């Protein structure tokens, strides 16, 4: 279905077809759920995704995973501050990105998938949620695996429903 009148102001027109195409790669994954994750993670790249390429400028970097506020504590010696950060519009850890990375459709031939490209990140999120299957068996389990916080799934579903 098309986005609701409530969702339209939040959803960049250039990303709607990307969410829809990416969700179509995984039967049972509603594009609205994928878009809700994109909104929760970065507000759809905070209007910094180039509508013609998907490239996000400036790069989106999450907070350091340094154990503050009871969060995860994950060191990353390659990071300037020594801590792992979720990155890009769909907020992937580099290790998760490396496992599930996909090139978004519509990209020119030859580019390397980029965590800082909205199209690549959205297609990678769909692959991660579907776990390389062609059909999503358990939407709740998939969303819970994306973000383990107890309130994430209800927030995703509320936004998707909106």
N, C-alpha and C. Protein backbone atom coordinates (compact mmCIF):
# COMPACT_ATOMS: atom_id res chain seq x y z
N UNK A 1 0.83 -1.21 0.00
CA UNK A 1 0.00 0.00 0.00
C UNK A 1 0.86 1.26 0.00
N UNK A 2 0.32 2.35 -0.47
CA UNK A 2 1.06 3.61 -0.43
C UNK A 2 1.18 4.12 1.01
N UNK A 3 2.14 5.02 1.25
CA UNK A 3 2.27 5.57 2.61
C UNK A 3 1.05 6.40 2.97
N UNK A 4 0.77 6.44 4.26
CA UNK A 4 -0.36 7.23 4.74
C UNK A 4 -0.03 8.71 4.68
N UNK A 5 -1.06 9.52 4.81
CA UNK A 5 -0.87 10.98 4.83
C UNK A 5 -0.02 11.39 6.02
N UNK A 6 -0.07 10.63 7.12
CA UNK A 6 0.74 10.92 8.29
C UNK A 6 2.21 10.61 8.02
N UNK A 7 2.46 9.54 7.26
CA UNK A 7 3.84 9.10 7.00
C UNK A 7 4.53 9.95 5.93
N UNK A 8 3.79 10.47 4.99
CA UNK A 8 4.41 11.18 3.85
C UNK A 8 5.39 12.29 4.25
N UNK A 9 5.08 13.12 5.24
CA UNK A 9 6.05 14.16 5.59
C UNK A 9 7.37 13.60 6.14
N UNK A 10 7.34 12.39 6.72
CA UNK A 10 8.55 11.78 7.29
C UNK A 10 9.36 10.99 6.27
N UNK A 11 8.75 10.60 5.17
CA UNK A 11 9.36 9.66 4.24
C UNK A 11 9.85 10.36 2.98
N UNK A 12 11.17 10.45 2.79
CA UNK A 12 11.67 11.09 1.57
C UNK A 12 11.18 10.35 0.33
N UNK A 13 10.63 11.05 -0.65
CA UNK A 13 10.10 10.38 -1.85
C UNK A 13 11.14 9.51 -2.57
N UNK A 14 12.40 9.89 -2.49
CA UNK A 14 13.43 9.10 -3.17
C UNK A 14 13.70 7.77 -2.47
N UNK A 15 13.35 7.66 -1.19
CA UNK A 15 13.62 6.42 -0.45
C UNK A 15 12.43 5.46 -0.44
N UNK A 16 11.22 5.96 -0.68
CA UNK A 16 10.05 5.09 -0.69
C UNK A 16 10.23 3.90 -1.63
N UNK A 17 10.60 4.11 -2.90
CA UNK A 17 10.75 2.94 -3.78
C UNK A 17 11.91 2.03 -3.36
N UNK A 18 12.90 2.58 -2.69
CA UNK A 18 14.02 1.76 -2.22
C UNK A 18 13.53 0.83 -1.11
N UNK A 19 12.78 1.36 -0.16
CA UNK A 19 12.21 0.51 0.89
C UNK A 19 11.31 -0.56 0.28
N UNK A 20 10.50 -0.19 -0.70
CA UNK A 20 9.58 -1.14 -1.31
C UNK A 20 10.32 -2.23 -2.08
N UNK A 21 11.34 -1.85 -2.87
CA UNK A 21 12.12 -2.86 -3.62
C UNK A 21 12.89 -3.77 -2.69
N UNK A 22 13.47 -3.21 -1.63
CA UNK A 22 14.24 -4.03 -0.69
C UNK A 22 13.33 -5.01 0.05
N UNK A 23 12.18 -4.55 0.49
CA UNK A 23 11.25 -5.44 1.19
C UNK A 23 10.75 -6.55 0.26
N UNK A 24 10.63 -6.27 -1.01
CA UNK A 24 10.16 -7.28 -1.97
C UNK A 24 11.16 -8.43 -2.13
N UNK A 25 12.39 -8.25 -1.69
CA UNK A 25 13.38 -9.33 -1.77
C UNK A 25 13.15 -10.37 -0.69
N UNK A 26 12.26 -10.09 0.25
CA UNK A 26 12.00 -10.97 1.38
C UNK A 26 10.50 -11.07 1.61
N UNK A 27 9.89 -12.12 1.07
CA UNK A 27 8.44 -12.30 1.22
C UNK A 27 8.08 -12.30 2.71
N UNK A 28 7.09 -11.49 3.06
CA UNK A 28 6.66 -11.40 4.44
C UNK A 28 7.24 -10.22 5.20
N UNK A 29 8.15 -9.49 4.56
CA UNK A 29 8.71 -8.28 5.18
C UNK A 29 7.97 -7.07 4.63
N UNK A 30 7.10 -6.46 5.40
CA UNK A 30 6.39 -5.27 4.92
C UNK A 30 7.36 -4.10 4.73
N UNK A 31 7.20 -3.38 3.63
CA UNK A 31 8.08 -2.24 3.41
C UNK A 31 7.91 -1.22 4.53
N UNK A 32 6.71 -1.17 5.10
CA UNK A 32 6.46 -0.22 6.18
C UNK A 32 7.33 -0.51 7.40
N UNK A 33 7.58 -1.78 7.67
CA UNK A 33 8.45 -2.16 8.80
C UNK A 33 9.88 -1.74 8.50
N UNK A 34 10.34 -2.00 7.29
CA UNK A 34 11.69 -1.59 6.91
C UNK A 34 11.84 -0.07 6.99
N UNK A 35 10.84 0.66 6.51
CA UNK A 35 10.87 2.12 6.59
C UNK A 35 10.80 2.61 8.04
N UNK A 36 10.04 1.91 8.87
CA UNK A 36 9.96 2.29 10.28
C UNK A 36 11.33 2.15 10.94
N UNK A 37 12.05 1.10 10.60
CA UNK A 37 13.41 0.93 11.14
C UNK A 37 14.30 2.07 10.66
N UNK A 38 14.20 2.41 9.38
CA UNK A 38 14.98 3.54 8.86
C UNK A 38 14.66 4.85 9.54
N UNK A 39 13.40 5.03 9.88
CA UNK A 39 13.02 6.26 10.59
C UNK A 39 13.56 6.25 12.02
N UNK A 40 13.41 5.12 12.72
CA UNK A 40 13.88 5.04 14.10
C UNK A 40 15.39 5.16 14.20
N UNK A 41 16.10 4.57 13.25
CA UNK A 41 17.56 4.56 13.32
C UNK A 41 18.20 5.88 12.92
N UNK A 42 17.63 6.59 11.95
CA UNK A 42 18.30 7.83 11.49
C UNK A 42 17.35 8.87 10.93
N UNK A 43 16.06 8.67 11.15
CA UNK A 43 15.06 9.56 10.53
C UNK A 43 15.27 9.61 9.02
N UNK A 44 15.43 8.42 8.43
CA UNK A 44 15.65 8.27 6.98
C UNK A 44 16.87 9.07 6.51
N UNK A 45 17.96 8.88 7.23
CA UNK A 45 19.23 9.55 6.93
C UNK A 45 19.16 11.05 7.19
N UNK A 46 18.18 11.48 7.94
CA UNK A 46 18.04 12.89 8.35
C UNK A 46 18.14 13.84 7.16
N UNK A 47 17.52 13.45 6.05
CA UNK A 47 17.50 14.27 4.82
C UNK A 47 18.90 14.50 4.24
N UNK A 48 19.83 13.62 4.55
CA UNK A 48 21.19 13.77 4.02
C UNK A 48 21.52 12.73 2.96
N UNK A 49 20.53 11.98 2.48
CA UNK A 49 20.77 11.00 1.41
C UNK A 49 20.54 11.67 0.07
N UNK A 50 21.54 11.59 -0.79
CA UNK A 50 21.41 12.14 -2.14
C UNK A 50 20.30 11.37 -2.86
N UNK A 51 19.28 12.06 -3.39
CA UNK A 51 18.17 11.35 -4.01
C UNK A 51 18.55 10.62 -5.31
N UNK A 52 19.68 10.97 -5.92
CA UNK A 52 20.07 10.32 -7.17
C UNK A 52 21.07 9.20 -7.00
N UNK A 53 21.76 9.15 -5.85
CA UNK A 53 22.79 8.12 -5.63
C UNK A 53 22.59 7.33 -4.35
N UNK A 54 21.87 7.90 -3.38
CA UNK A 54 21.71 7.27 -2.07
C UNK A 54 22.84 7.58 -1.11
N UNK A 55 23.91 8.23 -1.59
CA UNK A 55 25.05 8.54 -0.71
C UNK A 55 24.64 9.51 0.38
N UNK A 56 25.11 9.22 1.60
CA UNK A 56 24.77 10.03 2.77
C UNK A 56 25.97 10.90 3.15
N UNK A 57 25.72 12.22 3.19
CA UNK A 57 26.76 13.17 3.56
C UNK A 57 26.15 14.22 4.47
N UNK A 58 26.74 14.47 5.63
CA UNK A 58 27.91 13.83 6.21
C UNK A 58 27.58 12.42 6.69
N UNK A 59 28.61 11.62 6.94
CA UNK A 59 28.37 10.26 7.41
C UNK A 59 27.61 10.24 8.73
N UNK A 60 26.81 9.20 8.92
CA UNK A 60 26.04 9.03 10.15
C UNK A 60 26.79 8.05 11.05
N UNK A 61 27.15 8.52 12.23
CA UNK A 61 27.87 7.69 13.20
C UNK A 61 27.08 7.67 14.50
N UNK A 62 26.84 6.48 15.02
CA UNK A 62 26.16 6.34 16.30
C UNK A 62 27.09 6.65 17.45
N UNK A 63 26.54 6.65 18.62
CA UNK A 63 27.32 6.90 19.84
C UNK A 63 28.33 5.78 20.04
N UNK A 64 29.42 6.07 20.73
CA UNK A 64 30.40 5.01 21.01
C UNK A 64 29.79 3.94 21.92
N UNK A 65 30.08 2.70 21.61
CA UNK A 65 29.62 1.60 22.45
C UNK A 65 30.67 1.37 23.53
N UNK A 66 30.66 2.31 24.48
CA UNK A 66 31.68 2.34 25.53
C UNK A 66 31.14 1.96 26.91
N UNK A 67 29.94 1.36 26.94
CA UNK A 67 29.37 0.89 28.19
C UNK A 67 28.57 1.91 28.97
N UNK A 68 28.50 3.12 28.49
CA UNK A 68 27.74 4.15 29.22
C UNK A 68 26.27 3.77 29.31
N UNK A 69 25.65 4.18 30.38
CA UNK A 69 24.22 3.97 30.61
C UNK A 69 23.82 2.50 30.50
N UNK A 70 24.72 1.62 30.86
CA UNK A 70 24.41 0.19 30.86
C UNK A 70 24.42 -0.44 29.48
N UNK A 71 24.88 0.29 28.48
CA UNK A 71 24.92 -0.23 27.11
C UNK A 71 26.09 -1.18 26.89
N UNK A 72 26.15 -1.69 25.68
CA UNK A 72 27.25 -2.59 25.32
C UNK A 72 28.58 -1.86 25.37
N UNK A 73 29.60 -2.63 25.64
CA UNK A 73 30.97 -2.10 25.67
C UNK A 73 31.77 -2.93 24.66
N UNK A 74 32.01 -2.31 23.47
CA UNK A 74 32.69 -3.02 22.39
C UNK A 74 33.84 -2.16 21.90
N UNK A 75 35.04 -2.62 22.15
CA UNK A 75 36.23 -1.90 21.71
C UNK A 75 36.41 -2.05 20.20
N UNK A 76 36.98 -1.04 19.58
CA UNK A 76 37.32 -1.08 18.15
C UNK A 76 38.62 -0.31 17.97
N UNK A 77 39.74 -1.02 17.89
CA UNK A 77 41.02 -0.34 17.77
C UNK A 77 41.18 0.47 16.49
N UNK A 78 40.32 0.25 15.49
CA UNK A 78 40.42 1.01 14.25
C UNK A 78 39.68 2.35 14.32
N UNK A 79 38.86 2.52 15.36
CA UNK A 79 38.09 3.75 15.51
C UNK A 79 38.95 4.81 16.22
N UNK A 80 38.83 6.07 15.83
CA UNK A 80 39.63 7.12 16.47
C UNK A 80 39.47 7.19 17.99
N UNK A 81 38.26 6.87 18.50
CA UNK A 81 38.06 6.93 19.94
C UNK A 81 38.22 5.56 20.61
N UNK A 82 38.51 4.52 19.81
CA UNK A 82 38.74 3.20 20.37
C UNK A 82 37.49 2.37 20.61
N UNK A 83 36.31 2.91 20.22
CA UNK A 83 35.05 2.21 20.47
C UNK A 83 34.29 1.96 19.18
N UNK A 84 33.56 0.84 19.16
CA UNK A 84 32.69 0.52 18.04
C UNK A 84 31.55 1.54 17.99
N UNK A 85 31.12 1.85 16.78
CA UNK A 85 29.98 2.75 16.56
C UNK A 85 29.06 2.10 15.53
N UNK A 86 27.75 2.19 15.72
CA UNK A 86 26.82 1.85 14.65
C UNK A 86 26.95 2.94 13.60
N UNK A 87 26.82 2.55 12.34
CA UNK A 87 27.08 3.50 11.26
C UNK A 87 26.00 3.47 10.20
N UNK A 88 25.88 4.58 9.49
CA UNK A 88 24.98 4.67 8.35
C UNK A 88 23.53 4.86 8.74
N UNK A 89 22.68 5.04 7.74
CA UNK A 89 21.28 5.35 8.00
C UNK A 89 20.49 4.22 8.65
N UNK A 90 20.95 2.98 8.52
CA UNK A 90 20.26 1.86 9.16
C UNK A 90 21.02 1.38 10.39
N UNK A 91 22.07 2.11 10.78
CA UNK A 91 22.83 1.90 12.01
C UNK A 91 23.35 0.47 12.18
N UNK A 92 24.24 0.08 11.28
CA UNK A 92 24.89 -1.23 11.35
C UNK A 92 26.21 -1.15 12.09
N UNK A 93 26.50 -2.17 12.88
CA UNK A 93 27.86 -2.33 13.37
C UNK A 93 28.68 -2.83 12.18
N UNK A 94 29.94 -2.41 12.08
CA UNK A 94 30.75 -2.85 10.94
C UNK A 94 30.81 -4.37 10.79
N UNK A 95 30.80 -5.11 11.89
CA UNK A 95 30.86 -6.57 11.81
C UNK A 95 29.57 -7.13 11.22
N UNK A 96 28.43 -6.57 11.59
CA UNK A 96 27.16 -7.02 11.02
C UNK A 96 27.09 -6.64 9.55
N UNK A 97 27.52 -5.44 9.24
CA UNK A 97 27.55 -4.98 7.85
C UNK A 97 28.37 -5.94 6.99
N UNK A 98 29.53 -6.32 7.46
CA UNK A 98 30.42 -7.20 6.70
C UNK A 98 29.75 -8.54 6.39
N UNK A 99 28.92 -9.02 7.29
CA UNK A 99 28.25 -10.31 7.08
C UNK A 99 27.08 -10.22 6.10
N UNK A 100 26.31 -9.13 6.13
CA UNK A 100 25.06 -9.06 5.39
C UNK A 100 25.07 -8.09 4.21
N UNK A 101 26.16 -7.41 3.96
CA UNK A 101 26.22 -6.33 2.99
C UNK A 101 25.61 -6.71 1.63
N UNK A 102 24.81 -5.77 1.11
CA UNK A 102 24.19 -5.89 -0.20
C UNK A 102 24.34 -4.56 -0.94
N UNK A 103 24.40 -4.64 -2.24
CA UNK A 103 24.39 -3.45 -3.08
C UNK A 103 22.94 -3.15 -3.41
N UNK A 104 22.51 -1.94 -3.15
CA UNK A 104 21.13 -1.56 -3.44
C UNK A 104 20.87 -1.53 -4.94
N UNK A 105 19.68 -1.96 -5.35
CA UNK A 105 19.35 -1.89 -6.77
C UNK A 105 19.21 -0.44 -7.18
N UNK A 106 19.52 -0.18 -8.43
CA UNK A 106 19.47 1.18 -8.94
C UNK A 106 20.79 1.91 -8.86
N UNK A 107 21.78 1.28 -8.20
CA UNK A 107 23.10 1.90 -8.13
C UNK A 107 23.81 1.64 -9.45
N UNK A 108 24.69 2.55 -9.87
CA UNK A 108 25.43 2.32 -11.11
C UNK A 108 26.31 1.08 -10.98
N UNK A 109 26.61 0.47 -12.09
CA UNK A 109 27.46 -0.73 -12.09
C UNK A 109 28.84 -0.39 -11.54
N UNK A 110 29.36 -1.28 -10.72
CA UNK A 110 30.74 -1.14 -10.26
C UNK A 110 30.98 -0.58 -8.88
N UNK A 111 30.02 0.07 -8.20
CA UNK A 111 30.38 0.63 -6.90
C UNK A 111 30.51 -0.46 -5.84
N UNK A 112 31.33 -0.17 -4.86
CA UNK A 112 31.45 -1.03 -3.69
C UNK A 112 30.32 -0.64 -2.75
N UNK A 113 29.58 -1.61 -2.19
CA UNK A 113 28.52 -1.24 -1.25
C UNK A 113 29.08 -0.41 -0.10
N UNK A 114 28.32 0.58 0.30
CA UNK A 114 28.78 1.50 1.34
C UNK A 114 27.77 1.56 2.48
N UNK A 115 28.28 1.45 3.69
CA UNK A 115 27.44 1.58 4.89
C UNK A 115 26.84 2.98 4.97
N UNK A 116 27.46 3.94 4.27
CA UNK A 116 26.98 5.32 4.25
C UNK A 116 26.19 5.62 2.98
N UNK A 117 25.61 4.58 2.39
CA UNK A 117 24.71 4.76 1.25
C UNK A 117 23.34 4.24 1.69
N UNK A 118 22.33 5.07 1.60
CA UNK A 118 21.00 4.70 2.07
C UNK A 118 20.46 3.49 1.33
N UNK A 119 20.66 3.42 0.01
CA UNK A 119 20.13 2.30 -0.76
C UNK A 119 20.78 0.99 -0.33
N UNK A 120 22.11 1.00 -0.23
CA UNK A 120 22.82 -0.20 0.20
C UNK A 120 22.41 -0.60 1.61
N UNK A 121 22.29 0.38 2.49
CA UNK A 121 21.92 0.09 3.88
C UNK A 121 20.52 -0.49 3.99
N UNK A 122 19.60 0.01 3.20
CA UNK A 122 18.22 -0.50 3.24
C UNK A 122 18.17 -1.93 2.71
N UNK A 123 18.85 -2.22 1.61
CA UNK A 123 18.88 -3.58 1.08
C UNK A 123 19.61 -4.53 2.03
N UNK A 124 20.63 -4.04 2.69
CA UNK A 124 21.35 -4.86 3.66
C UNK A 124 20.45 -5.14 4.87
N UNK A 125 19.68 -4.16 5.30
CA UNK A 125 18.75 -4.38 6.41
C UNK A 125 17.71 -5.43 6.05
N UNK A 126 17.21 -5.41 4.83
CA UNK A 126 16.24 -6.42 4.40
C UNK A 126 16.88 -7.81 4.43
N UNK A 127 18.11 -7.92 3.95
CA UNK A 127 18.81 -9.22 3.96
C UNK A 127 19.02 -9.69 5.39
N UNK A 128 19.41 -8.78 6.27
CA UNK A 128 19.64 -9.13 7.67
C UNK A 128 18.35 -9.60 8.34
N UNK A 129 17.27 -8.88 8.11
CA UNK A 129 16.00 -9.25 8.71
C UNK A 129 15.51 -10.62 8.21
N UNK A 130 15.75 -10.89 6.94
CA UNK A 130 15.28 -12.15 6.35
C UNK A 130 16.28 -13.30 6.56
N UNK A 131 17.51 -12.98 6.97
CA UNK A 131 18.53 -13.99 7.26
C UNK A 131 18.79 -14.91 6.06
N UNK A 132 18.90 -14.33 4.88
CA UNK A 132 19.19 -15.06 3.64
C UNK A 132 18.09 -16.01 3.19
N UNK A 133 16.93 -15.96 3.81
CA UNK A 133 15.80 -16.76 3.36
C UNK A 133 15.02 -15.95 2.32
N UNK A 134 14.15 -16.59 1.60
CA UNK A 134 13.30 -15.86 0.65
C UNK A 134 12.00 -15.43 1.31
N UNK A 135 11.69 -16.03 2.47
CA UNK A 135 10.47 -15.70 3.20
C UNK A 135 10.82 -15.45 4.66
N UNK A 136 10.27 -14.40 5.19
CA UNK A 136 10.47 -14.07 6.60
C UNK A 136 9.54 -14.93 7.45
N UNK A 137 10.11 -15.76 8.30
CA UNK A 137 9.30 -16.69 9.08
C UNK A 137 8.67 -16.04 10.31
N UNK A 138 9.37 -15.11 10.95
CA UNK A 138 8.90 -14.54 12.21
C UNK A 138 9.31 -13.07 12.28
N UNK A 139 8.38 -12.20 11.96
CA UNK A 139 8.68 -10.77 11.92
C UNK A 139 9.18 -10.26 13.26
N UNK A 140 8.52 -10.64 14.33
CA UNK A 140 8.94 -10.16 15.65
C UNK A 140 10.37 -10.60 15.97
N UNK A 141 10.70 -11.85 15.73
CA UNK A 141 12.05 -12.34 16.01
C UNK A 141 13.08 -11.59 15.17
N UNK A 142 12.74 -11.31 13.92
CA UNK A 142 13.67 -10.59 13.04
C UNK A 142 13.92 -9.18 13.55
N UNK A 143 12.85 -8.47 13.93
CA UNK A 143 13.00 -7.10 14.43
C UNK A 143 13.71 -7.10 15.77
N UNK A 144 13.40 -8.07 16.62
CA UNK A 144 14.09 -8.17 17.91
C UNK A 144 15.58 -8.42 17.72
N UNK A 145 15.95 -9.19 16.70
CA UNK A 145 17.36 -9.45 16.43
C UNK A 145 18.06 -8.19 15.92
N UNK A 146 17.33 -7.33 15.25
CA UNK A 146 17.90 -6.09 14.71
C UNK A 146 18.32 -5.17 15.84
N UNK A 147 17.50 -5.09 16.86
CA UNK A 147 17.79 -4.28 18.05
C UNK A 147 17.18 -5.00 19.24
N UNK A 148 18.01 -5.42 20.15
CA UNK A 148 17.56 -6.25 21.25
C UNK A 148 16.82 -5.56 22.37
N UNK A 149 16.61 -4.25 22.29
CA UNK A 149 15.93 -3.58 23.40
C UNK A 149 14.46 -4.02 23.45
N UNK A 150 13.92 -4.08 24.64
CA UNK A 150 12.57 -4.61 24.82
C UNK A 150 11.49 -3.74 24.19
N UNK A 151 11.75 -2.47 24.00
CA UNK A 151 10.72 -1.60 23.43
C UNK A 151 10.88 -1.38 21.92
N UNK A 152 11.87 -1.99 21.28
CA UNK A 152 12.14 -1.72 19.87
C UNK A 152 11.01 -2.23 18.97
N UNK A 153 10.63 -3.49 19.12
CA UNK A 153 9.58 -4.05 18.26
C UNK A 153 8.28 -3.24 18.35
N UNK A 154 7.79 -2.93 19.55
CA UNK A 154 6.55 -2.13 19.61
C UNK A 154 6.72 -0.76 18.94
N UNK A 155 7.88 -0.16 19.07
CA UNK A 155 8.11 1.14 18.43
C UNK A 155 8.13 1.01 16.92
N UNK A 156 8.77 -0.04 16.40
CA UNK A 156 8.80 -0.28 14.95
C UNK A 156 7.40 -0.49 14.43
N UNK A 157 6.63 -1.34 15.09
CA UNK A 157 5.26 -1.63 14.62
C UNK A 157 4.38 -0.40 14.71
N UNK A 158 4.52 0.39 15.76
CA UNK A 158 3.73 1.62 15.87
C UNK A 158 4.05 2.57 14.73
N UNK A 159 5.32 2.73 14.42
CA UNK A 159 5.72 3.63 13.32
C UNK A 159 5.26 3.06 11.98
N UNK A 160 5.41 1.76 11.79
CA UNK A 160 4.98 1.12 10.54
C UNK A 160 3.47 1.29 10.34
N UNK A 161 2.73 1.15 11.39
CA UNK A 161 1.27 1.28 11.33
C UNK A 161 0.89 2.72 11.00
N UNK A 162 1.64 3.66 11.57
CA UNK A 162 1.38 5.09 11.30
C UNK A 162 1.53 5.36 9.81
